[in-house]
Amino acid sequence: MRQTTVKLNDGSELIIKNSNRTLLKFEELRGKSIGEMDGKSTDSIYWLYATLLGCNRLTFDLNFEDFIDLLDENPQIWTAFNNFNKGETEPEKPEAKKKVKA
């Protein structure tokens, strides 16, 4: 799975990566799938990013309003999201792959 890391102003890091958990959680929260997003609703994009971060960080306990504040205080998050969406991410590390026994 592709991923990227963004460093926040306070020195902590957020990992941005695709996951099935993100897709399921987004559908649960918004009542629609990512495929139903029309690209015209800014709040859906914010919800998608908040869900993506929340599903990839066990200690991510921000409510939506605090998440918006985090974005305002750390504009580098948007750059990381945009690069992630364009596919400009860190390559997957070989040791991160798990072998599945048949």
Protein backbone atom coordinates (compact mmCIF):
# COMPACT_ATOMS: atom_id res chain seq x y z
CA MET A 1 0.00 0.00 0.00
CA ARG A 2 1.36 3.40 -0.88
CA GLN A 3 1.86 5.91 1.88
CA THR A 4 3.45 9.20 2.75
CA THR A 5 4.34 10.93 6.01
CA VAL A 6 3.84 14.60 6.84
CA LYS A 7 5.63 16.32 9.71
CA LEU A 8 3.52 18.75 11.73
CA ASN A 9 4.64 22.02 13.26
CA ASP A 10 4.72 20.44 16.74
CA GLY A 11 7.21 17.79 15.54
CA SER A 12 4.72 14.92 15.40
CA GLU A 13 3.99 13.04 12.20
CA LEU A 14 0.88 11.90 10.39
CA ILE A 15 0.88 8.90 8.07
CA ILE A 16 -1.29 9.12 4.99
CA LYS A 17 -2.05 5.78 3.35
CA ASN A 18 -4.88 3.97 1.64
CA SER A 19 -6.78 1.38 3.61
CA ASN A 20 -10.01 -0.57 3.42
CA ARG A 21 -10.81 0.71 6.91
CA THR A 22 -10.85 4.26 5.53
CA LEU A 23 -13.36 3.33 2.83
CA LEU A 24 -15.66 1.58 5.28
CA LYS A 25 -15.45 4.30 7.93
CA PHE A 26 -16.11 7.05 5.36
CA GLU A 27 -19.24 5.23 4.17
CA GLU A 28 -20.37 4.79 7.78
CA LEU A 29 -19.87 8.47 8.62
CA ARG A 30 -21.19 10.02 5.41
CA GLY A 31 -23.80 7.50 4.31
CA LYS A 32 -22.30 7.22 0.83
CA SER A 33 -19.31 5.60 -0.80
CA ILE A 34 -16.23 7.42 -2.04
CA GLY A 35 -17.36 6.51 -5.54
CA GLU A 36 -20.46 8.65 -5.02
CA MET A 37 -18.42 11.78 -4.33
CA ASP A 38 -18.93 14.28 -7.14
CA GLY A 39 -15.82 16.36 -6.44
CA LYS A 40 -17.97 19.46 -5.90
CA SER A 41 -18.46 19.09 -2.17
CA THR A 42 -15.56 20.48 -0.19
CA ASP A 43 -16.87 19.06 3.06
CA SER A 44 -16.79 15.52 1.62
CA ILE A 45 -13.12 15.97 0.79
CA TYR A 46 -12.41 17.21 4.32
CA TRP A 47 -14.33 14.24 5.76
CA LEU A 48 -12.40 11.84 3.54
CA TYR A 49 -9.06 13.23 4.72
CA ALA A 50 -10.13 13.27 8.36
CA THR A 51 -11.28 9.66 8.04
CA LEU A 52 -8.08 8.66 6.29
CA LEU A 53 -5.94 10.15 9.05
CA GLY A 54 -8.12 8.79 11.82
CA CYS A 55 -7.94 5.27 10.45
CA ASN A 56 -4.16 5.35 10.12
CA ARG A 57 -3.29 6.79 13.53
CA LEU A 58 -4.50 5.06 16.64
CA THR A 59 -4.03 8.23 18.70
CA PHE A 60 -5.92 10.46 16.25
CA ASP A 61 -8.75 11.64 18.48
CA LEU A 62 -9.70 14.97 16.94
CA ASN A 63 -13.28 15.90 16.28
CA PHE A 64 -14.05 17.44 12.88
CA GLU A 65 -13.70 21.05 14.06
CA ASP A 66 -10.30 20.33 15.65
CA PHE A 67 -9.24 18.60 12.45
CA ILE A 68 -10.04 21.76 10.48
CA ASP A 69 -7.96 23.75 12.98
CA LEU A 70 -5.11 21.28 12.50
CA LEU A 71 -5.26 21.88 8.73
CA ASP A 72 -5.25 25.66 9.24
CA GLU A 73 -2.21 25.45 11.52
CA ASN A 74 -0.31 22.97 9.30
CA PRO A 75 -0.79 23.85 5.61
CA GLN A 76 1.85 21.25 4.70
CA ILE A 77 -0.85 18.62 5.28
CA TRP A 78 -2.63 19.83 2.13
CA THR A 79 0.58 19.54 0.12
CA ALA A 80 1.03 15.99 1.39
CA PHE A 81 -2.60 15.10 0.56
CA ASN A 82 -2.29 16.58 -2.93
CA ASN A 83 0.96 14.71 -3.61
CA PHE A 84 -0.59 11.54 -2.24
CA ASN A 85 -3.56 11.88 -4.58
CA LYS A 86 -1.23 12.44 -7.53
CA GLY A 87 0.60 9.24 -6.65
CA GLU A 88 3.79 10.99 -5.52
CA THR A 89 4.41 8.90 -2.43
CA GLU A 90 7.14 6.92 -0.79
CA PRO A 91 7.60 3.52 -2.44
CA GLU A 92 6.39 0.54 -0.49
CA LYS A 93 9.18 -1.01 1.53
CA PRO A 94 9.80 -4.66 0.65
CA GLU A 95 9.98 -5.73 4.30
CA ALA A 96 6.50 -4.29 4.86
CA LYS A 97 4.93 -6.92 2.60
CA LYS A 98 3.43 -9.88 4.37
CA LYS A 99 3.40 -13.33 2.86
CA VAL A 100 0.10 -15.11 2.95
CA LYS A 101 0.17 -18.88 3.30
CA ALA A 102 -2.19 -20.71 0.99
